[in-house]
Amino acid sequence: MRRFSGFVVRFLLLSLIVSLSLLGLAQQEDVDTDTAILILNIERALSIEVLGGPLVITVDAAALEERVIPLEGLQVSVDSLIDYQVDAYGAVSPGTIDLGTLQLRVEGIVGPFEEILAPEFAPLGPPERPLPLFTGGNNIGLGTVATIGLRLDLGRLTGPLADRYTWTISFTAVER
């Protein structure tokens, strides 16, 4: 009997070890896997923003003697991944005077740029003939801010004048 009970004890111990091993396998660490996919689409990123509000100037008899009236400037900010050129164009209302009475130039630039195309005052043109101001390239993370000087050349005024004129100036950044 002793031999039988030793066999039973060994069998039970072996069964217990096998059972514990199987339980251990069944309770392995739970593992889950997921995948994130990151796609980088580089678009022809180009943004331009005019920093400044509407400008109002009153032309009186004293101003007419000056012939040229300097105006408060504007700032134009550009962020780009591509090579670009900044142009300006405008409209005047009522359209009874020369649009080019309003003149622009680049007075200074902070940040990376390639070339100033309008270092001297030049007349503002219509959309079909914009005034080129400056060029640049990839400046992401740095940005480029140009100060644009404005002036009115009253020597270009001819004929009867209205009491008020409104210029709309648009700045565009186009890929080169």
N, C-alpha and C. Protein backbone atom coordinates (compact mmCIF):
# COMPACT_ATOMS: atom_id res chain seq x y z
N MET A 1 0.82 -1.18 0.00
CA MET A 1 0.00 0.00 0.00
C MET A 1 0.88 1.26 0.00
N ARG A 2 1.97 1.09 0.68
CA ARG A 2 2.85 2.22 0.74
C ARG A 2 3.34 2.57 -0.66
N ARG A 3 3.61 1.55 -1.42
CA ARG A 3 4.05 1.80 -2.76
C ARG A 3 2.96 2.47 -3.57
N PHE A 4 1.74 2.06 -3.39
CA PHE A 4 0.60 2.62 -4.09
C PHE A 4 0.39 4.08 -3.68
N SER A 5 0.47 4.35 -2.37
CA SER A 5 0.24 5.71 -1.92
C SER A 5 1.36 6.64 -2.37
N GLY A 6 2.61 6.15 -2.47
CA GLY A 6 3.69 6.98 -3.00
C GLY A 6 3.44 7.32 -4.46
N PHE A 7 2.92 6.35 -5.19
CA PHE A 7 2.58 6.59 -6.59
C PHE A 7 1.49 7.63 -6.72
N VAL A 8 0.47 7.50 -5.85
CA VAL A 8 -0.65 8.46 -5.87
C VAL A 8 -0.15 9.86 -5.51
N VAL A 9 0.71 9.93 -4.51
CA VAL A 9 1.23 11.24 -4.10
C VAL A 9 2.04 11.85 -5.23
N ARG A 10 2.88 11.04 -5.86
CA ARG A 10 3.66 11.56 -6.99
C ARG A 10 2.74 11.99 -8.13
N PHE A 11 1.74 11.21 -8.41
CA PHE A 11 0.79 11.53 -9.47
C PHE A 11 0.07 12.84 -9.18
N LEU A 12 -0.38 12.97 -7.93
CA LEU A 12 -1.09 14.20 -7.54
C LEU A 12 -0.16 15.42 -7.61
N LEU A 13 1.09 15.25 -7.18
CA LEU A 13 2.04 16.37 -7.25
C LEU A 13 2.33 16.74 -8.70
N LEU A 14 2.52 15.74 -9.53
CA LEU A 14 2.76 16.00 -10.95
C LEU A 14 1.55 16.66 -11.59
N SER A 15 0.36 16.20 -11.26
CA SER A 15 -0.87 16.81 -11.78
C SER A 15 -0.97 18.27 -11.32
N LEU A 16 -0.61 18.52 -10.06
CA LEU A 16 -0.67 19.87 -9.53
C LEU A 16 0.33 20.78 -10.25
N ILE A 17 1.54 20.28 -10.50
CA ILE A 17 2.56 21.07 -11.20
C ILE A 17 2.11 21.36 -12.63
N VAL A 18 1.58 20.34 -13.31
CA VAL A 18 1.10 20.53 -14.68
C VAL A 18 -0.06 21.51 -14.69
N SER A 19 -0.97 21.40 -13.72
CA SER A 19 -2.11 22.31 -13.65
C SER A 19 -1.65 23.74 -13.40
N LEU A 20 -0.69 23.90 -12.49
CA LEU A 20 -0.19 25.25 -12.22
C LEU A 20 0.53 25.82 -13.44
N SER A 21 1.25 24.98 -14.15
CA SER A 21 1.93 25.43 -15.36
C SER A 21 0.91 25.86 -16.41
N LEU A 22 -0.12 25.07 -16.58
CA LEU A 22 -1.16 25.43 -17.55
C LEU A 22 -1.88 26.70 -17.15
N LEU A 23 -2.13 26.85 -15.85
CA LEU A 23 -2.76 28.08 -15.38
C LEU A 23 -1.84 29.28 -15.64
N GLY A 24 -0.57 29.10 -15.45
CA GLY A 24 0.40 30.16 -15.73
C GLY A 24 0.40 30.55 -17.19
N LEU A 25 0.30 29.57 -18.08
CA LEU A 25 0.25 29.88 -19.51
C LEU A 25 -1.03 30.62 -19.85
N ALA A 26 -2.09 30.23 -19.23
CA ALA A 26 -3.38 30.86 -19.52
C ALA A 26 -3.41 32.29 -19.00
N GLN A 27 -2.55 32.59 -18.03
CA GLN A 27 -2.59 33.92 -17.45
C GLN A 27 -1.37 34.74 -17.86
N GLN A 28 -0.92 34.52 -19.08
CA GLN A 28 0.18 35.34 -19.57
C GLN A 28 -0.28 36.79 -19.65
N GLU A 29 0.68 37.68 -19.73
CA GLU A 29 0.37 39.10 -19.82
C GLU A 29 -0.49 39.36 -21.06
N ASP A 30 -1.54 40.15 -20.87
CA ASP A 30 -2.44 40.48 -21.98
C ASP A 30 -1.74 41.51 -22.87
N VAL A 31 -1.61 41.20 -24.14
CA VAL A 31 -0.90 42.07 -25.07
C VAL A 31 -1.87 42.50 -26.16
N ASP A 32 -1.88 43.81 -26.44
CA ASP A 32 -2.72 44.34 -27.51
C ASP A 32 -1.82 45.22 -28.37
N THR A 33 -2.04 45.21 -29.64
CA THR A 33 -1.23 46.01 -30.55
C THR A 33 -2.14 46.87 -31.40
N ASP A 34 -1.76 48.13 -31.56
CA ASP A 34 -2.50 49.03 -32.44
C ASP A 34 -1.46 49.79 -33.24
N THR A 35 -1.84 50.29 -34.38
CA THR A 35 -0.91 50.98 -35.26
C THR A 35 -1.45 52.36 -35.59
N ALA A 36 -0.59 53.36 -35.48
CA ALA A 36 -0.95 54.71 -35.90
C ALA A 36 -0.23 54.98 -37.22
N ILE A 37 -0.95 55.54 -38.15
CA ILE A 37 -0.37 55.88 -39.45
C ILE A 37 -0.31 57.40 -39.55
N LEU A 38 0.87 57.90 -39.78
CA LEU A 38 1.06 59.35 -39.93
C LEU A 38 1.42 59.63 -41.38
N ILE A 39 0.61 60.45 -42.02
CA ILE A 39 0.87 60.83 -43.41
C ILE A 39 1.14 62.32 -43.42
N LEU A 40 2.27 62.69 -43.96
CA LEU A 40 2.63 64.11 -44.05
C LEU A 40 2.39 64.56 -45.48
N ASN A 41 1.37 65.36 -45.67
CA ASN A 41 1.08 65.95 -46.98
C ASN A 41 1.64 67.36 -46.97
N ILE A 42 2.66 67.60 -47.75
CA ILE A 42 3.20 68.95 -47.84
C ILE A 42 2.48 69.65 -48.97
N GLU A 43 1.59 70.56 -48.60
CA GLU A 43 0.87 71.33 -49.60
C GLU A 43 1.73 72.53 -49.97
N ARG A 44 1.34 73.22 -50.98
CA ARG A 44 2.09 74.40 -51.40
C ARG A 44 1.76 75.51 -50.41
N ALA A 45 2.22 75.36 -49.18
CA ALA A 45 1.85 76.24 -48.08
C ALA A 45 2.36 77.65 -48.31
N LEU A 46 1.44 78.59 -48.29
CA LEU A 46 1.79 79.99 -48.50
C LEU A 46 0.69 80.83 -47.88
N SER A 47 1.03 81.68 -46.90
CA SER A 47 0.01 82.54 -46.32
C SER A 47 0.56 83.96 -46.20
N ILE A 48 -0.34 84.90 -46.36
CA ILE A 48 0.04 86.31 -46.28
C ILE A 48 -1.00 87.03 -45.43
N GLU A 49 -0.55 87.98 -44.62
CA GLU A 49 -1.45 88.71 -43.75
C GLU A 49 -1.01 90.17 -43.71
N VAL A 50 -1.98 91.07 -43.84
CA VAL A 50 -1.69 92.50 -43.75
C VAL A 50 -1.91 92.92 -42.30
N LEU A 51 -0.88 93.52 -41.71
CA LEU A 51 -0.96 93.97 -40.33
C LEU A 51 -1.19 95.47 -40.33
N GLY A 52 -2.37 95.89 -39.99
CA GLY A 52 -2.71 97.31 -40.00
C GLY A 52 -4.15 97.49 -40.42
N GLY A 53 -4.71 98.60 -40.07
CA GLY A 53 -6.12 98.83 -40.37
C GLY A 53 -6.32 99.86 -41.44
N PRO A 54 -7.56 100.29 -41.60
CA PRO A 54 -7.87 101.31 -42.62
C PRO A 54 -7.11 102.60 -42.34
N LEU A 55 -6.69 103.24 -43.39
CA LEU A 55 -5.98 104.51 -43.29
C LEU A 55 -6.89 105.61 -43.79
N VAL A 56 -6.94 106.70 -43.05
CA VAL A 56 -7.77 107.84 -43.46
C VAL A 56 -6.89 109.07 -43.48
N ILE A 57 -6.94 109.81 -44.58
CA ILE A 57 -6.19 111.06 -44.67
C ILE A 57 -7.11 112.11 -45.27
N THR A 58 -7.02 113.29 -44.75
CA THR A 58 -7.81 114.39 -45.28
C THR A 58 -6.88 115.31 -46.05
N VAL A 59 -7.22 115.56 -47.29
CA VAL A 59 -6.42 116.45 -48.12
C VAL A 59 -7.06 117.84 -48.06
N ASP A 60 -6.34 118.78 -47.48
CA ASP A 60 -6.84 120.15 -47.41
C ASP A 60 -5.94 121.05 -48.27
N ALA A 61 -6.18 122.35 -48.22
CA ALA A 61 -5.43 123.28 -49.07
C ALA A 61 -3.93 123.22 -48.76
N ALA A 62 -3.57 123.07 -47.49
CA ALA A 62 -2.15 122.99 -47.11
C ALA A 62 -1.51 121.73 -47.70
N ALA A 63 -2.25 120.63 -47.69
CA ALA A 63 -1.72 119.38 -48.24
C ALA A 63 -1.52 119.50 -49.75
N LEU A 64 -2.39 120.23 -50.41
CA LEU A 64 -2.26 120.40 -51.85
C LEU A 64 -0.98 121.14 -52.21
N GLU A 65 -0.50 121.99 -51.31
CA GLU A 65 0.75 122.69 -51.56
C GLU A 65 1.95 121.74 -51.44
N GLU A 66 1.80 120.71 -50.63
CA GLU A 66 2.89 119.74 -50.44
C GLU A 66 3.12 118.89 -51.68
N ARG A 67 2.10 118.60 -52.42
CA ARG A 67 2.14 117.78 -53.64
C ARG A 67 2.35 116.30 -53.35
N VAL A 68 3.13 115.95 -52.34
CA VAL A 68 3.32 114.54 -51.97
C VAL A 68 3.03 114.40 -50.48
N ILE A 69 2.13 113.49 -50.15
CA ILE A 69 1.75 113.30 -48.76
C ILE A 69 2.19 111.91 -48.30
N PRO A 70 3.14 111.84 -47.35
CA PRO A 70 3.51 110.53 -46.81
C PRO A 70 2.39 110.00 -45.92
N LEU A 71 2.17 108.71 -45.96
CA LEU A 71 1.12 108.08 -45.16
C LEU A 71 1.74 107.08 -44.19
N GLU A 72 0.97 106.74 -43.17
CA GLU A 72 1.40 105.68 -42.25
C GLU A 72 1.54 104.38 -43.04
N GLY A 73 2.61 103.65 -42.79
CA GLY A 73 2.86 102.42 -43.55
C GLY A 73 2.06 101.24 -43.05
N LEU A 74 2.14 100.18 -43.81
CA LEU A 74 1.52 98.90 -43.46
C LEU A 74 2.62 97.87 -43.28
N GLN A 75 2.28 96.79 -42.62
CA GLN A 75 3.20 95.66 -42.54
C GLN A 75 2.53 94.44 -43.16
N VAL A 76 3.32 93.68 -43.89
CA VAL A 76 2.83 92.47 -44.55
C VAL A 76 3.66 91.31 -44.04
N SER A 77 2.98 90.29 -43.50
CA SER A 77 3.66 89.11 -42.97
C SER A 77 3.45 87.93 -43.90
N VAL A 78 4.53 87.18 -44.18
CA VAL A 78 4.46 86.03 -45.09
C VAL A 78 5.08 84.81 -44.41
N ASP A 79 4.38 83.68 -44.47
CA ASP A 79 4.92 82.38 -44.05
C ASP A 79 4.79 81.45 -45.24
N SER A 80 5.87 80.76 -45.58
CA SER A 80 5.85 79.98 -46.81
C SER A 80 6.79 78.78 -46.76
N LEU A 81 6.39 77.71 -47.45
CA LEU A 81 7.27 76.56 -47.67
C LEU A 81 7.89 76.61 -49.05
N ILE A 82 7.47 77.54 -49.87
CA ILE A 82 7.88 77.58 -51.27
C ILE A 82 8.47 78.95 -51.60
N ASP A 83 9.08 79.06 -52.76
CA ASP A 83 9.56 80.36 -53.25
C ASP A 83 8.35 81.19 -53.67
N TYR A 84 8.33 82.44 -53.28
CA TYR A 84 7.16 83.28 -53.53
C TYR A 84 7.57 84.69 -53.94
N GLN A 85 6.59 85.41 -54.47
CA GLN A 85 6.75 86.84 -54.76
C GLN A 85 5.51 87.54 -54.22
N VAL A 86 5.72 88.65 -53.52
CA VAL A 86 4.61 89.44 -52.99
C VAL A 86 4.37 90.61 -53.93
N ASP A 87 3.11 90.75 -54.35
CA ASP A 87 2.68 91.84 -55.23
C ASP A 87 1.57 92.61 -54.54
N ALA A 88 1.37 93.85 -54.99
CA ALA A 88 0.26 94.66 -54.50
C ALA A 88 -0.52 95.18 -55.71
N TYR A 89 -1.82 95.24 -55.55
CA TYR A 89 -2.67 95.85 -56.57
C TYR A 89 -3.82 96.52 -55.85
N GLY A 90 -4.55 97.33 -56.57
CA GLY A 90 -5.61 98.06 -55.89
C GLY A 90 -6.72 98.52 -56.79
N ALA A 91 -7.59 99.27 -56.15
CA ALA A 91 -8.71 99.91 -56.83
C ALA A 91 -8.99 101.20 -56.08
N VAL A 92 -9.55 102.15 -56.77
CA VAL A 92 -9.92 103.41 -56.13
C VAL A 92 -11.36 103.72 -56.50
N SER A 93 -12.05 104.26 -55.53
CA SER A 93 -13.45 104.60 -55.78
C SER A 93 -13.71 105.99 -55.20
N PRO A 94 -14.40 106.88 -55.86
CA PRO A 94 -14.83 106.71 -57.25
C PRO A 94 -13.61 106.68 -58.18
N GLY A 95 -13.77 106.02 -59.30
CA GLY A 95 -12.66 105.80 -60.22
C GLY A 95 -12.36 106.96 -61.13
N THR A 96 -12.58 108.17 -60.65
CA THR A 96 -12.36 109.34 -61.51
C THR A 96 -10.93 109.87 -61.41
N ILE A 97 -10.10 109.25 -60.56
CA ILE A 97 -8.70 109.69 -60.50
C ILE A 97 -7.79 108.50 -60.79
N ASP A 98 -6.54 108.80 -61.06
CA ASP A 98 -5.53 107.80 -61.39
C ASP A 98 -5.24 106.94 -60.16
N LEU A 99 -5.36 105.62 -60.32
CA LEU A 99 -5.05 104.68 -59.24
C LEU A 99 -3.61 104.86 -58.77
N GLY A 100 -2.72 105.21 -59.68
CA GLY A 100 -1.31 105.38 -59.37
C GLY A 100 -1.00 106.60 -58.52
N THR A 101 -2.02 107.39 -58.16
CA THR A 101 -1.81 108.48 -57.22
C THR A 101 -1.30 107.93 -55.90
N LEU A 102 -1.74 106.71 -55.56
CA LEU A 102 -1.23 106.03 -54.37
C LEU A 102 0.02 105.24 -54.78
N GLN A 103 1.12 105.50 -54.07
CA GLN A 103 2.39 104.85 -54.41
C GLN A 103 2.90 104.06 -53.21
N LEU A 104 3.60 102.96 -53.51
CA LEU A 104 4.12 102.07 -52.47
C LEU A 104 5.60 101.80 -52.69
N ARG A 105 6.28 101.43 -51.60
CA ARG A 105 7.65 100.93 -51.68
C ARG A 105 7.90 100.04 -50.46
N VAL A 106 8.91 99.20 -50.56
CA VAL A 106 9.32 98.38 -49.42
C VAL A 106 10.36 99.19 -48.64
N GLU A 107 10.03 99.51 -47.38
CA GLU A 107 10.94 100.31 -46.57
C GLU A 107 11.90 99.46 -45.75
N GLY A 108 11.52 98.24 -45.48
CA GLY A 108 12.38 97.35 -44.71
C GLY A 108 11.75 95.98 -44.57
N ILE A 109 12.60 94.99 -44.33
CA ILE A 109 12.12 93.62 -44.15
C ILE A 109 12.85 93.00 -42.97
N VAL A 110 12.08 92.33 -42.12
CA VAL A 110 12.64 91.56 -41.01
C VAL A 110 12.38 90.10 -41.31
N GLY A 111 13.42 89.29 -41.27
CA GLY A 111 13.29 87.87 -41.58
C GLY A 111 13.87 87.57 -42.94
N PRO A 112 13.89 86.29 -43.30
CA PRO A 112 14.52 85.91 -44.57
C PRO A 112 13.75 86.40 -45.79
N PHE A 113 14.48 86.89 -46.78
CA PHE A 113 13.89 87.29 -48.05
C PHE A 113 14.99 87.19 -49.09
N GLU A 114 14.63 87.30 -50.36
CA GLU A 114 15.64 87.21 -51.42
C GLU A 114 15.94 88.56 -52.05
N GLU A 115 14.89 89.28 -52.46
CA GLU A 115 15.13 90.53 -53.18
C GLU A 115 13.98 91.51 -52.96
N ILE A 116 14.34 92.78 -52.78
CA ILE A 116 13.33 93.85 -52.74
C ILE A 116 13.16 94.34 -54.16
N LEU A 117 11.94 94.27 -54.66
CA LEU A 117 11.66 94.66 -56.05
C LEU A 117 11.14 96.09 -56.17
N ALA A 118 10.71 96.68 -55.05
CA ALA A 118 10.21 98.06 -55.07
C ALA A 118 10.90 98.86 -53.97
N PRO A 119 12.20 99.19 -54.16
CA PRO A 119 12.90 99.97 -53.14
C PRO A 119 12.52 101.45 -53.19
N GLU A 120 12.00 101.90 -54.32
CA GLU A 120 11.57 103.29 -54.50
C GLU A 120 10.05 103.31 -54.69
N PHE A 121 9.45 104.46 -54.41
CA PHE A 121 7.99 104.57 -54.58
C PHE A 121 7.61 104.31 -56.03
N ALA A 122 6.58 103.50 -56.20
CA ALA A 122 6.07 103.17 -57.54
C ALA A 122 4.55 103.17 -57.46
N PRO A 123 3.88 103.52 -58.57
CA PRO A 123 2.42 103.60 -58.54
C PRO A 123 1.75 102.24 -58.37
N LEU A 124 0.70 102.24 -57.56
CA LEU A 124 -0.12 101.04 -57.38
C LEU A 124 -0.83 100.73 -58.69
N GLY A 125 -0.86 99.48 -59.07
CA GLY A 125 -1.50 99.08 -60.32
C GLY A 125 -2.79 98.33 -60.08
N PRO A 126 -3.54 98.06 -61.14
CA PRO A 126 -4.77 97.27 -61.05
C PRO A 126 -4.42 95.78 -60.93
N PRO A 127 -5.42 94.92 -60.68
CA PRO A 127 -5.15 93.47 -60.54
C PRO A 127 -4.44 92.86 -61.74
N GLU A 128 -4.71 93.35 -62.93
CA GLU A 128 -4.07 92.76 -64.11
C GLU A 128 -2.62 93.25 -64.29
N ARG A 129 -2.21 94.25 -63.51
CA ARG A 129 -0.84 94.76 -63.59
C ARG A 129 -0.35 95.11 -62.17
N PRO A 130 -0.18 94.08 -61.33
CA PRO A 130 0.20 94.36 -59.94
C PRO A 130 1.63 94.91 -59.82
N LEU A 131 1.89 95.56 -58.71
CA LEU A 131 3.21 96.10 -58.41
C LEU A 131 4.01 95.05 -57.64
N PRO A 132 5.11 94.51 -58.21
CA PRO A 132 5.94 93.54 -57.48
C PRO A 132 6.68 94.24 -56.33
N LEU A 133 6.64 93.64 -55.13
CA LEU A 133 7.27 94.26 -53.96
C LEU A 133 8.55 93.55 -53.53
N PHE A 134 8.48 92.23 -53.27
CA PHE A 134 9.68 91.50 -52.84
C PHE A 134 9.50 90.01 -53.07
N THR A 135 10.63 89.28 -53.00
CA THR A 135 10.61 87.83 -53.18
C THR A 135 11.25 87.16 -51.98
N GLY A 136 10.91 85.88 -51.81
CA GLY A 136 11.48 85.10 -50.71
C GLY A 136 11.30 83.62 -50.97
N GLY A 137 11.67 82.83 -49.96
CA GLY A 137 11.56 81.38 -50.08
C GLY A 137 11.12 80.77 -48.77
N ASN A 138 11.46 79.52 -48.56
CA ASN A 138 11.04 78.78 -47.37
C ASN A 138 11.45 79.54 -46.11
N ASN A 139 10.47 79.98 -45.34
CA ASN A 139 10.76 80.71 -44.10
C ASN A 139 9.92 80.19 -42.93
N ILE A 140 9.46 78.94 -43.03
CA ILE A 140 8.63 78.38 -41.97
C ILE A 140 9.41 78.39 -40.66
N GLY A 141 8.73 78.83 -39.61
CA GLY A 141 9.36 78.93 -38.30
C GLY A 141 10.05 80.26 -38.07
N LEU A 142 10.30 80.99 -39.13
CA LEU A 142 10.97 82.28 -39.01
C LEU A 142 10.03 83.42 -39.36
N GLY A 143 9.33 83.29 -40.48
CA GLY A 143 8.42 84.34 -40.94
C GLY A 143 9.18 85.52 -41.51
N THR A 144 8.51 86.26 -42.34
CA THR A 144 9.07 87.47 -42.95
C THR A 144 8.03 88.57 -42.82
N VAL A 145 8.45 89.72 -42.31
CA VAL A 145 7.55 90.87 -42.18
C VAL A 145 8.17 92.04 -42.92
N ALA A 146 7.43 92.56 -43.89
CA ALA A 146 7.90 93.71 -44.67
C ALA A 146 7.10 94.95 -44.28
N THR A 147 7.80 96.06 -44.13
CA THR A 147 7.14 97.35 -43.90
C THR A 147 6.98 98.02 -45.25
N ILE A 148 5.74 98.34 -45.58
CA ILE A 148 5.41 98.94 -46.87
C ILE A 148 5.09 100.41 -46.65
N GLY A 149 5.88 101.27 -47.28
CA GLY A 149 5.63 102.71 -47.20
C GLY A 149 4.58 103.12 -48.23
N LEU A 150 3.75 104.07 -47.86
CA LEU A 150 2.69 104.58 -48.74
C LEU A 150 2.80 106.09 -48.84
N ARG A 151 2.44 106.61 -49.99
CA ARG A 151 2.34 108.06 -50.14
C ARG A 151 1.36 108.37 -51.26
N LEU A 152 0.80 109.58 -51.18
CA LEU A 152 -0.07 110.09 -52.24
C LEU A 152 0.71 111.11 -53.05
N ASP A 153 0.71 110.93 -54.35
CA ASP A 153 1.35 111.89 -55.25
C ASP A 153 0.25 112.76 -55.84
N LEU A 154 0.03 113.91 -55.21
CA LEU A 154 -1.07 114.78 -55.62
C LEU A 154 -0.81 115.44 -56.96
N GLY A 155 0.41 115.40 -57.45
CA GLY A 155 0.73 115.94 -58.77
C GLY A 155 0.02 115.16 -59.87
N ARG A 156 -0.44 113.97 -59.56
CA ARG A 156 -1.14 113.15 -60.56
C ARG A 156 -2.64 113.45 -60.61
N LEU A 157 -3.11 114.33 -59.71
CA LEU A 157 -4.54 114.68 -59.70
C LEU A 157 -4.84 115.68 -60.81
N THR A 158 -5.83 115.38 -61.61
CA THR A 158 -6.25 116.30 -62.67
C THR A 158 -7.76 116.30 -62.75
N GLY A 159 -8.30 117.36 -63.29
CA GLY A 159 -9.74 117.43 -63.50
C GLY A 159 -10.50 117.66 -62.21
N PRO A 160 -11.84 117.58 -62.29
CA PRO A 160 -12.67 117.80 -61.09
C PRO A 160 -12.47 116.65 -60.10
N LEU A 161 -12.46 117.01 -58.82
CA LEU A 161 -12.22 116.02 -57.77
C LEU A 161 -13.46 115.79 -56.93
N ALA A 162 -13.62 114.58 -56.46
CA ALA A 162 -14.70 114.25 -55.53
C ALA A 162 -14.28 114.67 -54.12
N ASP A 163 -15.22 114.65 -53.19
CA ASP A 163 -14.90 115.00 -51.80
C ASP A 163 -14.14 113.89 -51.09
N ARG A 164 -14.29 112.67 -51.57
CA ARG A 164 -13.66 111.54 -50.87
C ARG A 164 -13.28 110.46 -51.87
N TYR A 165 -12.12 109.84 -51.65
CA TYR A 165 -11.67 108.70 -52.44
C TYR A 165 -11.27 107.57 -51.48
N THR A 166 -11.56 106.37 -51.88
CA THR A 166 -11.20 105.20 -51.07
C THR A 166 -10.37 104.25 -51.92
N TRP A 167 -9.18 103.95 -51.44
CA TRP A 167 -8.32 102.98 -52.11
C TRP A 167 -8.43 101.65 -51.39
N THR A 168 -8.50 100.60 -52.15
CA THR A 168 -8.41 99.24 -51.61
C THR A 168 -7.09 98.67 -52.09
N ILE A 169 -6.25 98.25 -51.16
CA ILE A 169 -4.95 97.69 -51.51
C ILE A 169 -4.96 96.21 -51.16
N SER A 170 -4.67 95.37 -52.12
CA SER A 170 -4.58 93.93 -51.88
C SER A 170 -3.14 93.48 -52.08
N PHE A 171 -2.70 92.62 -51.18
CA PHE A 171 -1.36 92.05 -51.28
C PHE A 171 -1.51 90.56 -51.58
N THR A 172 -0.78 90.08 -52.55
CA THR A 172 -0.83 88.66 -52.89
C THR A 172 0.57 88.07 -52.82
N ALA A 173 0.62 86.83 -52.38
CA ALA A 173 1.87 86.06 -52.42
C ALA A 173 1.64 84.95 -53.43
N VAL A 174 2.45 84.91 -54.46
CA VAL A 174 2.27 83.92 -55.52
C VAL A 174 3.54 83.08 -55.64
N GLU A 175 3.35 81.81 -55.99
CA GLU A 175 4.49 80.91 -56.16
C GLU A 175 5.31 81.33 -57.37
N ARG A 176 6.64 81.31 -57.19
CA ARG A 176 7.54 81.63 -58.31
C ARG A 176 8.00 80.34 -58.96
